Amino acid sequence: MSKKMTFRKKGLAVILCLMMGIATIAGCGKEETPVVEADEDALEVPEVKGKEETVGAFTLLVPKGMEADEGSSESVVTLSEDDDKNIVFQVVDKGDAKDYVKALIEEDDSYEEISFSLDGTKWTGASYKKDFVVYAKIGKATVIAIGTGYKYTDDIPLAVLASLEVESGAETVAIGGAGKGGTYVYGNGLYTVQYTGAYREADPSSEFGDLVSKDGNQKVYITAVESFDALDDLENEIMYYDYTLENFTVDGKEAFFFTYEDYFGDITAELVIPLDWVYMSTSGDEMVAVHIYTTGSTVEEAASDDFMELVKSVDVDDMLVTDIGPGSSGVASGDWAEYWERGWYGFWIVSNACDDFESNIGFAYDCLATFDCDGDEVHMQVVNAKSEGDLDVDVYFDHYSDSTVSGWLISNDGQILGYDIGYYDTYIDPESDSQLLEDYISMSVDLYDDDGNWVLEISFFLRPWGSDFNEFNYVDEDDLPYMCVNWDPVTADMFPFNYDTWYVNVMDDPFPGLDAIIGQVVSN
């Protein structure tokens, strides 16, 4: 049954209707005005002279005096003023941008978080002095800008950020580069390296290397060792640490893979591939070894699967061998064999030693040496002169021809003082010694026990039998070999220990040979 509305309820309804009608009439034809709060983070867009250019997927202001270049992808553009001042723009995943900035702040407390609005676009990131990283949504894309040499509040970065436009279909790339993997070519073709999508090529102006990982934290350096002295320095530096060594083959060449904890507490992974000879590119770049290294908090992080895949992909171009590379005949003949197959006299000295043998540092012995050539192999033997007549050195070398009469030698097998000598443990290059004296050779070698512990460093200095050591060219004291037995600071002459008391009395006689030194018989 329906209920009738009472008089009291009817009166209340009428009053409500009247009030609603009045309100409707009063507001007819007007829109509500929103309240807008001021953006305290908004920065003004400065006026900067330049012109608008489209480079890759970006359209941007290129200030006067600057250049914009496309990188490894259309989604990567570098705006540069000089080597120390540039801004790299990339289309990236928003999550990657956030993680990148977060990692930067967590790993370097010098960076502080920043955010600002510019021409209606919200930018977020971090900055420290004249470096900054900021990201924002431009159209449908997330763009990250990594600046070097600028404060983010400087006129140039602000003007360029405000000008950015991005193609709607721009591809998203990994921070730092395209991250698609590819082939890295060193020195106009000295060697190539295949890398996965986890790596990108670095800025060509990078001082140390050429590839870095996509997250921008772990860096991988790849370069060529350009001289044997530099290779010695590299090996000596590695030997300073308590390292673990793994040997394997890369491109048919023996490779040495080291891992160790470095001075800063990081785990370092280094690959060294010594070469049998010198390679040279068409531009004149030389190398005697390939060197790749990285660091991480653990061995697993440093020597990751991607890193190991990279180091094992090295491919050296064997065709890039110049006349300072190996000879083509494969037969010992001509001047170079005649150069080596003479009797030699000089001395060897303990130039450095571990704690157990430290008292031996400076011990020196006159010696005689011979080199027998057989094909491209040279057999070196050295015995003490004026002592026990011990066979101190019995080492085989590979000979490599060059533009000099002598060529040069690289060890491949043998023993020195009873310690094993292997491939590339030592070498002899007369050309590098000729600045001191013609027909003069030196050799330095580190000796290790069976457990791989370093024991001694031995240095050899030799001249052909009958040579007068007074013929040394005049050189400064600092240019002399660092461990000479005797030297005169006035004339900078160098002599073996028994030069005056024994050698000068017999130097005009025929070379006595290794079997009859001062009545001592050496058994071969």
Protein backbone atom coordinates (compact mmCIF):
# COMPACT_ATOMS: atom_id res chain seq x y z
CA MET A 1 0.00 0.00 0.00
CA SER A 2 1.40 3.40 -0.96
CA LYS A 3 2.05 6.04 1.63
CA LYS A 4 1.04 9.69 1.29
CA MET A 5 3.63 12.45 1.86
CA THR A 6 2.85 14.39 5.05
CA PHE A 7 2.45 18.20 5.07
CA ARG A 8 5.72 18.63 7.01
CA LYS A 9 7.71 16.68 4.41
CA LYS A 10 6.04 18.51 1.53
CA GLY A 11 7.12 21.90 2.96
CA LEU A 12 10.74 20.76 3.33
CA ALA A 13 10.85 19.54 -0.27
CA VAL A 14 9.56 22.86 -1.60
CA ILE A 15 12.20 24.82 0.31
CA LEU A 16 14.97 22.60 -1.08
CA CYS A 17 13.73 22.99 -4.63
CA LEU A 18 13.65 26.77 -4.33
CA MET A 19 17.22 26.86 -3.00
CA MET A 20 18.50 24.68 -5.87
CA GLY A 21 16.78 26.83 -8.43
CA ILE A 22 18.32 30.02 -7.08
CA ALA A 23 21.78 28.47 -7.14
CA THR A 24 21.29 27.34 -10.74
CA ILE A 25 20.17 30.76 -11.92
CA ALA A 26 23.09 32.50 -10.15
CA GLY A 27 25.73 30.23 -11.76
CA CYS A 28 24.27 30.10 -15.26
CA GLY A 29 26.81 30.83 -18.04
CA LYS A 30 29.95 30.77 -15.82
CA GLU A 31 32.81 28.19 -15.48
CA GLU A 32 34.64 27.47 -12.25
CA THR A 33 38.14 29.03 -12.24
CA PRO A 34 40.84 26.50 -11.07
CA VAL A 35 43.45 27.53 -8.54
CA VAL A 36 47.05 27.18 -9.97
CA GLU A 37 49.95 26.86 -7.56
CA ALA A 38 53.36 28.29 -8.56
CA ASP A 39 56.02 25.70 -9.55
CA GLU A 40 58.89 26.47 -7.21
CA ASP A 41 61.22 24.08 -9.14
CA ALA A 42 60.63 25.72 -12.53
CA LEU A 43 63.74 27.07 -14.29
CA GLU A 44 63.69 29.68 -17.01
CA VAL A 45 64.74 28.76 -20.54
CA PRO A 46 67.76 30.94 -21.39
CA GLU A 47 68.42 32.43 -24.81
CA VAL A 48 71.36 30.69 -26.48
CA LYS A 49 72.54 31.40 -30.02
CA GLY A 50 72.52 28.41 -32.34
CA LYS A 51 70.37 26.56 -34.82
CA GLU A 52 67.89 23.72 -34.68
CA GLU A 53 69.12 20.47 -36.20
CA THR A 54 67.79 16.95 -36.59
CA VAL A 55 70.40 14.35 -35.71
CA GLY A 56 69.35 10.73 -35.50
CA ALA A 57 66.04 10.50 -33.68
CA PHE A 58 66.52 13.89 -32.00
CA THR A 59 65.67 17.44 -33.03
CA LEU A 60 67.52 19.87 -30.80
CA LEU A 61 69.18 23.25 -30.52
CA VAL A 62 72.85 23.07 -31.45
CA PRO A 63 74.51 26.09 -29.81
CA LYS A 64 77.01 28.11 -31.77
CA GLY A 65 80.47 26.51 -31.65
CA MET A 66 79.13 23.03 -30.83
CA GLU A 67 78.52 19.89 -32.89
CA ALA A 68 75.90 17.15 -32.59
CA ASP A 69 76.89 13.69 -33.79
CA GLU A 70 74.94 10.44 -34.00
CA GLY A 71 76.45 7.61 -32.02
CA SER A 72 76.14 3.85 -32.44
CA SER A 73 72.37 4.22 -32.83
CA GLU A 74 69.92 6.88 -34.03
CA SER A 75 68.75 7.00 -30.43
CA VAL A 76 72.17 8.18 -29.21
CA VAL A 77 73.42 11.72 -29.93
CA THR A 78 76.45 13.51 -28.50
CA LEU A 79 76.49 17.30 -28.33
CA SER A 80 80.08 18.42 -27.82
CA GLU A 81 82.01 21.63 -27.32
CA ASP A 82 85.40 19.96 -26.77
CA ASP A 83 86.80 16.73 -25.30
CA ASP A 84 85.99 17.84 -21.75
CA LYS A 85 82.55 19.36 -22.34
CA ASN A 86 79.74 17.32 -23.86
CA ILE A 87 76.19 16.09 -23.31
CA VAL A 88 75.02 12.65 -24.46
CA PHE A 89 71.29 12.20 -25.14
CA GLN A 90 69.73 8.75 -25.33
CA VAL A 91 66.28 7.22 -25.64
CA VAL A 92 66.11 4.71 -22.79
CA ASP A 93 63.77 2.64 -20.68
CA LYS A 94 62.42 4.68 -17.75
CA GLY A 95 63.25 1.93 -15.26
CA ASP A 96 66.85 1.82 -16.50
CA ALA A 97 67.12 5.60 -16.09
CA LYS A 98 65.86 5.43 -12.50
CA ASP A 99 68.23 2.57 -11.65
CA TYR A 100 71.16 4.37 -13.25
CA VAL A 101 70.63 7.53 -11.19
CA LYS A 102 69.99 5.53 -8.01
CA ALA A 103 73.22 3.54 -8.47
CA LEU A 104 75.17 6.72 -9.18
CA ILE A 105 74.02 8.35 -5.93
CA GLU A 106 74.57 5.21 -3.87
CA GLU A 107 78.08 4.59 -5.22
CA ASP A 108 79.31 8.19 -5.06
CA ASP A 109 78.08 10.30 -2.16
CA SER A 110 79.37 13.41 -3.95
CA TYR A 111 76.29 13.29 -6.17
CA GLU A 112 73.05 14.81 -4.93
CA GLU A 113 69.55 14.18 -6.20
CA ILE A 114 67.99 16.97 -8.28
CA SER A 115 64.62 17.68 -9.93
CA PHE A 116 63.33 20.69 -11.82
CA SER A 117 60.74 21.79 -14.39
CA LEU A 118 61.80 23.30 -17.68
CA ASP A 119 59.28 24.62 -20.17
CA GLY A 120 56.62 22.36 -18.62
CA THR A 121 58.76 19.19 -18.60
CA LYS A 122 59.79 17.57 -15.32
CA TRP A 123 63.45 16.45 -15.17
CA THR A 124 64.88 14.18 -12.46
CA GLY A 125 68.44 13.04 -11.79
CA ALA A 126 71.68 13.77 -9.95
CA SER A 127 74.55 16.24 -10.19
CA TYR A 128 78.01 16.95 -8.83
CA LYS A 129 79.95 20.11 -9.66
CA LYS A 130 80.21 20.14 -13.47
CA ASP A 131 78.65 16.73 -14.13
CA PHE A 132 75.00 15.76 -14.22
CA VAL A 133 72.57 13.02 -15.24
CA VAL A 134 68.86 13.84 -15.74
CA TYR A 135 65.93 12.09 -17.43
CA ALA A 136 62.42 13.08 -18.49
CA LYS A 137 59.53 12.01 -20.71
CA ILE A 138 59.65 13.76 -24.08
CA GLY A 139 56.54 12.90 -26.05
CA LYS A 140 56.19 9.14 -25.70
CA ALA A 141 59.90 8.50 -25.07
CA THR A 142 62.10 8.66 -21.96
CA VAL A 143 65.27 10.62 -22.64
CA ILE A 144 68.36 10.63 -20.42
CA ALA A 145 70.98 13.38 -20.69
CA ILE A 146 74.49 12.76 -19.31
CA GLY A 147 76.51 15.97 -19.10
CA THR A 148 80.26 16.40 -18.60
CA GLY A 149 81.86 19.78 -17.97
CA TYR A 150 78.55 21.58 -17.31
CA LYS A 151 76.39 22.39 -14.32
CA TYR A 152 72.81 21.41 -15.08
CA THR A 153 71.83 25.05 -14.43
CA ASP A 154 74.21 26.42 -17.10
CA ASP A 155 72.61 28.15 -20.07
CA ILE A 156 73.67 25.61 -22.70
CA PRO A 157 72.23 22.44 -21.09
CA LEU A 158 69.02 24.24 -20.09
CA ALA A 159 68.47 25.69 -23.57
CA VAL A 160 69.19 22.35 -25.25
CA LEU A 161 67.02 20.32 -22.85
CA ALA A 162 64.10 22.69 -23.46
CA SER A 163 64.50 22.30 -27.24
CA LEU A 164 64.47 18.48 -27.34
CA GLU A 165 62.04 16.63 -29.59
CA VAL A 166 62.14 12.89 -30.27
CA GLU A 167 60.73 10.87 -33.17
CA SER A 168 57.68 8.93 -32.08
CA GLY A 169 59.14 5.61 -33.23
CA ALA A 170 62.61 6.11 -31.68
CA GLU A 171 64.20 2.87 -30.52
CA THR A 172 64.98 2.37 -26.83
CA VAL A 173 68.68 1.63 -26.20
CA ALA A 174 70.76 0.65 -23.19
CA ILE A 175 72.20 3.52 -21.18
CA GLY A 176 75.62 4.30 -22.57
CA GLY A 177 74.97 3.04 -26.11
CA ALA A 178 73.00 0.86 -28.43
CA GLY A 179 73.83 -2.26 -26.47
CA LYS A 180 73.17 -4.54 -29.43
CA GLY A 181 76.57 -6.15 -29.50
CA GLY A 182 78.82 -6.10 -32.53
CA THR A 183 82.44 -6.08 -33.67
CA TYR A 184 85.05 -3.77 -32.22
CA VAL A 185 88.02 -3.02 -34.52
CA TYR A 186 91.29 -1.84 -32.99
CA GLY A 187 94.02 0.18 -34.71
CA ASN A 188 92.63 0.14 -38.24
CA GLY A 189 92.42 -3.63 -38.20
CA LEU A 190 95.17 -4.87 -35.86
CA TYR A 191 92.54 -7.06 -34.23
CA THR A 192 88.80 -7.40 -33.74
CA VAL A 193 86.69 -8.32 -30.72
CA GLN A 194 83.13 -9.67 -30.81
CA TYR A 195 80.95 -8.34 -27.99
CA THR A 196 77.44 -9.16 -26.85
CA GLY A 197 74.53 -6.83 -26.17
CA ALA A 198 75.86 -6.34 -22.66
CA TYR A 199 78.62 -4.04 -23.98
CA ARG A 200 78.98 -0.91 -26.05
CA GLU A 201 81.84 1.05 -27.58
CA ALA A 202 83.13 3.87 -25.40
CA ASP A 203 83.93 7.44 -26.34
CA PRO A 204 86.85 7.35 -28.82
CA SER A 205 88.63 9.91 -26.64
CA SER A 206 88.67 7.45 -23.73
CA GLU A 207 92.19 7.36 -22.30
CA PHE A 208 92.36 3.69 -21.38
CA GLY A 209 89.95 1.56 -23.33
CA ASP A 210 87.25 1.00 -25.78
CA LEU A 211 84.29 -1.01 -24.46
CA VAL A 212 82.19 -0.56 -21.32
CA SER A 213 79.23 -2.46 -19.94
CA LYS A 214 75.68 -1.27 -20.53
CA ASP A 215 74.98 -0.31 -16.92
CA GLY A 216 77.77 2.22 -16.93
CA ASN A 217 79.40 0.83 -13.77
CA GLN A 218 81.68 -2.07 -14.71
CA LYS A 219 84.19 -0.93 -17.31
CA VAL A 220 86.01 -3.23 -19.73
CA TYR A 221 89.22 -1.86 -21.23
CA ILE A 222 90.63 -3.29 -24.47
CA THR A 223 93.86 -2.06 -25.97
CA ALA A 224 97.13 -3.03 -27.66
CA VAL A 225 100.51 -3.18 -25.91
CA GLU A 226 102.77 -1.27 -28.27
CA SER A 227 106.28 -2.26 -27.13
CA PHE A 228 108.10 -5.06 -25.39
CA ASP A 229 109.15 -2.68 -22.62
CA ALA A 230 105.50 -1.85 -22.01
CA LEU A 231 104.68 -5.57 -21.95
CA ASP A 232 107.41 -6.13 -19.37
CA ASP A 233 105.99 -3.31 -17.25
CA LEU A 234 102.50 -4.81 -17.49
CA GLU A 235 103.69 -8.27 -16.46
CA ASN A 236 105.74 -6.87 -13.57
CA GLU A 237 102.71 -4.96 -12.31
CA ILE A 238 100.55 -8.10 -12.36
CA MET A 239 103.28 -10.14 -10.63
CA TYR A 240 103.10 -7.69 -7.73
CA TYR A 241 99.76 -9.20 -6.68
CA ASP A 242 98.81 -12.62 -5.36
CA TYR A 243 97.19 -13.71 -8.63
CA THR A 244 95.51 -16.81 -10.01
CA LEU A 245 96.57 -17.75 -13.54
CA GLU A 246 94.59 -19.64 -16.17
CA ASN A 247 96.09 -20.51 -19.56
CA PHE A 248 94.04 -21.06 -22.68
CA THR A 249 94.25 -20.44 -26.43
CA VAL A 250 92.75 -17.44 -28.22
CA ASP A 251 92.93 -17.22 -32.02
CA GLY A 252 95.57 -19.97 -32.00
CA LYS A 253 97.76 -17.97 -29.61
CA GLU A 254 98.62 -18.68 -25.99
CA ALA A 255 96.65 -16.41 -23.66
CA PHE A 256 97.23 -15.69 -19.98
CA PHE A 257 94.20 -14.90 -17.82
CA PHE A 258 94.91 -13.39 -14.38
CA THR A 259 92.52 -12.66 -11.51
CA TYR A 260 93.57 -10.97 -8.26
CA GLU A 261 92.53 -8.49 -5.60
CA ASP A 262 94.04 -5.11 -6.43
CA TYR A 263 95.26 -2.27 -4.24
CA PHE A 264 91.75 -0.85 -3.87
CA GLY A 265 90.21 -4.16 -2.81
CA ASP A 266 88.52 -4.76 -6.17
CA ILE A 267 88.79 -8.03 -8.07
CA THR A 268 90.67 -7.49 -11.32
CA ALA A 269 90.47 -9.83 -14.33
CA GLU A 270 93.15 -9.37 -17.01
CA LEU A 271 93.80 -11.16 -20.28
CA VAL A 272 97.22 -10.85 -21.95
CA ILE A 273 97.89 -12.34 -25.40
CA PRO A 274 101.61 -11.92 -26.26
CA LEU A 275 102.33 -12.10 -29.99
CA ASP A 276 105.16 -13.86 -31.78
CA TRP A 277 106.05 -10.68 -33.62
CA VAL A 278 105.05 -7.07 -34.08
CA TYR A 279 101.85 -6.23 -35.93
CA MET A 280 101.38 -2.90 -37.65
CA SER A 281 98.22 -1.33 -39.06
CA THR A 282 98.07 0.79 -42.18
CA SER A 283 98.08 3.90 -40.00
CA GLY A 284 101.36 2.90 -38.33
CA ASP A 285 99.92 1.61 -35.05
CA GLU A 286 102.03 -1.22 -33.60
CA MET A 287 101.36 -3.90 -31.00
CA VAL A 288 103.21 -6.79 -29.39
CA ALA A 289 100.30 -8.00 -27.23
CA VAL A 290 96.55 -7.64 -26.73
CA HIS A 291 95.45 -6.54 -23.26
CA ILE A 292 91.89 -6.72 -21.86
CA TYR A 293 90.91 -6.08 -18.26
CA THR A 294 88.00 -5.25 -15.98
CA THR A 295 87.18 -5.10 -12.29
CA GLY A 296 84.30 -6.19 -10.07
CA SER A 297 83.41 -6.80 -6.46
CA THR A 298 83.81 -10.58 -6.95
CA VAL A 299 85.55 -12.90 -9.40
CA GLU A 300 82.15 -13.92 -10.75
CA GLU A 301 81.21 -10.28 -11.39
CA ALA A 302 84.51 -9.36 -13.03
CA ALA A 303 84.97 -12.54 -15.08
CA SER A 304 81.30 -12.80 -16.09
CA ASP A 305 80.09 -15.06 -18.89
CA ASP A 306 79.75 -12.06 -21.20
CA PHE A 307 83.30 -10.93 -20.37
CA MET A 308 84.79 -14.37 -20.98
CA GLU A 309 82.91 -14.63 -24.26
CA LEU A 310 84.40 -11.29 -25.24
CA VAL A 311 88.02 -12.09 -24.36
CA LYS A 312 87.91 -15.41 -26.18
CA SER A 313 86.64 -13.73 -29.36
CA VAL A 314 89.85 -11.77 -30.07
CA ASP A 315 90.95 -12.25 -33.68
CA VAL A 316 94.37 -10.87 -34.68
CA ASP A 317 94.87 -10.15 -38.37
CA ASP A 318 97.93 -12.27 -39.23
CA MET A 319 98.27 -10.50 -42.56
CA LEU A 320 99.30 -7.25 -40.88
CA VAL A 321 102.97 -8.19 -40.52
CA THR A 322 105.60 -5.71 -41.63
CA ASP A 323 109.31 -6.14 -42.28
CA ILE A 324 109.85 -6.00 -38.52
CA GLY A 325 107.89 -9.24 -38.23
CA PRO A 326 109.15 -12.82 -38.72
CA GLY A 327 111.27 -13.83 -41.70
CA SER A 328 109.58 -15.78 -44.45
CA SER A 329 112.37 -18.17 -45.43
CA GLY A 330 112.30 -20.34 -42.30
CA VAL A 331 116.00 -21.12 -42.84
CA ALA A 332 118.88 -19.65 -40.89
CA SER A 333 121.11 -18.12 -43.51
CA GLY A 334 122.77 -14.85 -44.40
CA ASP A 335 123.95 -12.07 -42.12
CA TRP A 336 121.67 -12.71 -39.16
CA ALA A 337 123.04 -16.23 -38.51
CA GLU A 338 126.59 -14.94 -38.89
CA TYR A 339 125.81 -12.21 -36.37
CA TRP A 340 124.82 -14.69 -33.67
CA GLU A 341 127.19 -17.59 -34.36
CA ARG A 342 130.22 -15.99 -32.72
CA GLY A 343 131.76 -16.37 -29.30
CA TRP A 344 130.47 -13.82 -26.78
CA TYR A 345 131.96 -12.45 -23.56
CA GLY A 346 130.45 -10.35 -20.79
CA PHE A 347 128.82 -10.84 -17.41
CA TRP A 348 125.57 -11.71 -15.72
CA ILE A 349 124.39 -10.24 -12.44
CA VAL A 350 121.70 -10.84 -9.84
CA SER A 351 119.80 -7.59 -10.24
CA ASN A 352 116.93 -8.40 -7.87
CA ALA A 353 115.85 -11.24 -5.57
CA CYS A 354 113.22 -12.40 -3.11
CA ASP A 355 113.83 -12.23 0.65
CA ASP A 356 115.50 -15.65 0.79
CA PHE A 357 118.08 -14.64 -1.83
CA GLU A 358 118.33 -10.92 -1.09
CA SER A 359 121.97 -11.28 -0.05
CA ASN A 360 122.78 -12.36 -3.63
CA ILE A 361 121.75 -9.03 -5.17
CA GLY A 362 124.79 -7.55 -6.93
CA PHE A 363 126.63 -10.87 -7.35
CA ALA A 364 128.21 -10.81 -10.81
CA TYR A 365 130.06 -13.38 -12.89
CA ASP A 366 132.10 -13.04 -16.05
CA CYS A 367 130.76 -15.44 -18.66
CA LEU A 368 131.14 -16.83 -22.16
CA ALA A 369 128.20 -17.47 -24.45
CA THR A 370 127.44 -19.13 -27.78
CA PHE A 371 124.43 -19.04 -30.12
CA ASP A 372 123.90 -21.95 -32.53
CA CYS A 373 121.37 -21.36 -35.33
CA ASP A 374 119.23 -24.15 -36.79
CA GLY A 375 116.49 -22.91 -39.06
CA ASP A 376 114.60 -20.23 -37.14
CA GLU A 377 115.67 -21.70 -33.80
CA VAL A 378 118.69 -20.37 -31.88
CA HIS A 379 120.30 -22.33 -29.03
CA MET A 380 122.02 -20.12 -26.41
CA GLN A 381 124.49 -21.53 -23.86
CA VAL A 382 126.34 -19.54 -21.21
CA VAL A 383 129.06 -20.69 -18.79
CA ASN A 384 130.97 -18.95 -16.00
CA ALA A 385 134.41 -17.72 -16.90
CA LYS A 386 137.16 -17.53 -14.22
CA SER A 387 134.94 -19.60 -11.88
CA GLU A 388 133.55 -23.13 -11.73
CA GLY A 389 132.71 -23.22 -15.42
CA ASP A 390 129.07 -24.10 -14.74
CA LEU A 391 126.59 -24.24 -17.60
CA ASP A 392 124.39 -21.40 -16.33
CA VAL A 393 122.16 -20.92 -19.38
CA ASP A 394 120.74 -23.49 -21.79
CA VAL A 395 117.85 -21.81 -23.60
CA TYR A 396 116.22 -22.13 -27.03
CA PHE A 397 114.94 -19.03 -28.82
CA ASP A 398 112.78 -18.37 -31.86
CA HIS A 399 114.49 -15.95 -34.25
CA TYR A 400 112.58 -13.16 -35.99
CA SER A 401 114.00 -11.11 -38.82
CA ASP A 402 113.68 -7.36 -39.11
CA SER A 403 115.39 -4.53 -40.96
CA THR A 404 118.54 -4.98 -38.86
CA VAL A 405 121.37 -7.46 -39.42
CA SER A 406 120.70 -9.31 -36.18
CA GLY A 407 116.92 -9.64 -35.95
CA TRP A 408 115.74 -10.54 -32.45
CA LEU A 409 115.10 -13.59 -30.26
CA ILE A 410 112.18 -14.76 -28.08
CA SER A 411 112.67 -17.66 -25.67
CA ASN A 412 110.61 -20.84 -26.10
CA ASP A 413 112.23 -23.48 -23.84
CA GLY A 414 115.22 -24.24 -21.62
CA GLN A 415 116.75 -23.47 -18.23
CA ILE A 416 118.68 -20.68 -16.51
CA LEU A 417 120.48 -21.55 -13.28
CA GLY A 418 118.31 -24.67 -13.11
CA TYR A 419 115.01 -22.74 -13.38
CA ASP A 420 112.69 -23.54 -16.27
CA ILE A 421 112.34 -20.99 -19.06
CA GLY A 422 109.31 -21.02 -21.35
CA TYR A 423 107.74 -19.08 -24.16
CA TYR A 424 108.40 -15.36 -23.96
CA ASP A 425 110.00 -15.50 -20.51
CA THR A 426 112.86 -13.46 -21.97
CA TYR A 427 114.00 -11.94 -25.25
CA ILE A 428 117.09 -10.34 -26.83
CA ASP A 429 116.84 -7.34 -29.14
CA PRO A 430 120.27 -5.95 -30.17
CA GLU A 431 118.64 -2.97 -31.87
CA SER A 432 117.36 -1.64 -28.54
CA ASP A 433 120.90 -1.84 -27.09
CA SER A 434 122.72 -0.27 -30.05
CA GLN A 435 122.31 3.26 -28.62
CA LEU A 436 124.96 2.32 -26.06
CA LEU A 437 127.26 0.29 -28.24
CA GLU A 438 127.28 -1.57 -31.53
CA ASP A 439 127.48 -5.39 -31.27
CA TYR A 440 126.20 -5.29 -27.72
CA ILE A 441 123.30 -7.32 -26.33
CA SER A 442 121.50 -7.53 -23.02
CA MET A 443 118.92 -9.88 -21.56
CA SER A 444 116.89 -9.79 -18.36
CA VAL A 445 114.77 -12.63 -17.00
CA ASP A 446 112.73 -13.39 -13.88
CA LEU A 447 113.15 -16.89 -12.45
CA TYR A 448 110.36 -18.80 -10.66
CA ASP A 449 110.43 -22.02 -8.66
CA ASP A 450 108.24 -25.05 -9.38
CA ASP A 451 105.44 -23.58 -7.24
CA GLY A 452 105.38 -20.37 -9.28
CA ASN A 453 107.11 -18.27 -6.62
CA TRP A 454 109.42 -15.53 -7.88
CA VAL A 455 113.04 -16.11 -6.85
CA LEU A 456 115.54 -14.00 -8.80
CA GLU A 457 115.96 -11.51 -11.60
CA ILE A 458 119.11 -12.09 -13.67
CA SER A 459 120.51 -9.59 -16.18
CA PHE A 460 123.07 -10.41 -18.91
CA PHE A 461 125.38 -8.02 -20.82
CA LEU A 462 127.45 -9.48 -23.69
CA ARG A 463 129.78 -8.41 -26.54
CA PRO A 464 131.41 -10.53 -29.26
CA TRP A 465 134.67 -12.13 -28.13
CA GLY A 466 137.61 -9.77 -28.78
CA SER A 467 135.54 -6.60 -28.43
CA ASP A 468 136.97 -3.67 -26.52
CA PHE A 469 134.49 -2.52 -23.90
CA ASN A 470 136.16 0.91 -23.92
CA GLU A 471 134.26 1.55 -27.14
CA PHE A 472 131.04 2.36 -25.29
CA ASN A 473 129.33 5.41 -26.67
CA TYR A 474 129.22 8.33 -24.29
CA VAL A 475 125.91 8.29 -22.40
CA ASP A 476 124.53 9.89 -19.28
CA GLU A 477 124.72 7.86 -16.10
CA ASP A 478 120.91 7.65 -15.96
CA ASP A 479 120.83 5.97 -19.39
CA LEU A 480 123.09 3.08 -18.38
CA PRO A 481 121.62 -0.35 -17.63
CA TYR A 482 120.38 -0.09 -14.06
CA MET A 483 122.80 -2.75 -12.70
CA CYS A 484 126.33 -2.38 -14.06
CA VAL A 485 129.18 -4.01 -12.25
CA ASN A 486 131.69 -1.21 -12.75
CA TRP A 487 131.16 2.17 -14.29
CA ASP A 488 133.17 5.36 -14.48
CA PRO A 489 130.98 8.43 -13.86
CA VAL A 490 133.26 10.55 -16.04
CA THR A 491 133.33 8.46 -19.22
CA ALA A 492 130.39 6.17 -18.38
CA ASP A 493 132.40 3.13 -19.47
CA MET A 494 131.08 -0.28 -18.41
CA PHE A 495 133.16 -3.39 -17.81
CA PRO A 496 132.66 -6.98 -16.68
CA PHE A 497 134.04 -7.65 -13.22
CA ASN A 498 137.26 -9.41 -14.40
CA TYR A 499 137.67 -7.33 -17.54
CA ASP A 500 141.09 -5.87 -16.67
CA THR A 501 142.50 -8.81 -14.69
CA TRP A 502 141.63 -11.57 -17.16
CA TYR A 503 139.83 -10.68 -20.39
CA VAL A 504 142.21 -8.03 -21.79
CA ASN A 505 145.08 -10.53 -21.56
CA VAL A 506 143.34 -13.10 -23.79
CA MET A 507 140.88 -11.07 -25.88
CA ASP A 508 143.13 -11.22 -28.98
CA ASP A 509 143.34 -15.02 -28.80
CA PRO A 510 140.77 -17.21 -30.58
CA PHE A 511 137.53 -17.75 -28.70
CA PRO A 512 138.30 -20.63 -26.30
CA GLY A 513 134.88 -22.22 -26.59
CA LEU A 514 132.67 -23.41 -23.78
CA ASP A 515 134.54 -26.70 -23.26
CA ALA A 516 137.89 -25.23 -22.21
CA ILE A 517 137.52 -22.20 -19.97
CA ILE A 518 140.53 -21.74 -17.71
CA GLY A 519 141.07 -25.49 -17.64
CA GLN A 520 137.49 -26.24 -16.65
CA VAL A 521 135.65 -28.77 -18.85
CA VAL A 522 131.93 -28.24 -19.35
CA SER A 523 129.83 -31.30 -20.13
CA ASN A 524 127.17 -30.56 -22.75
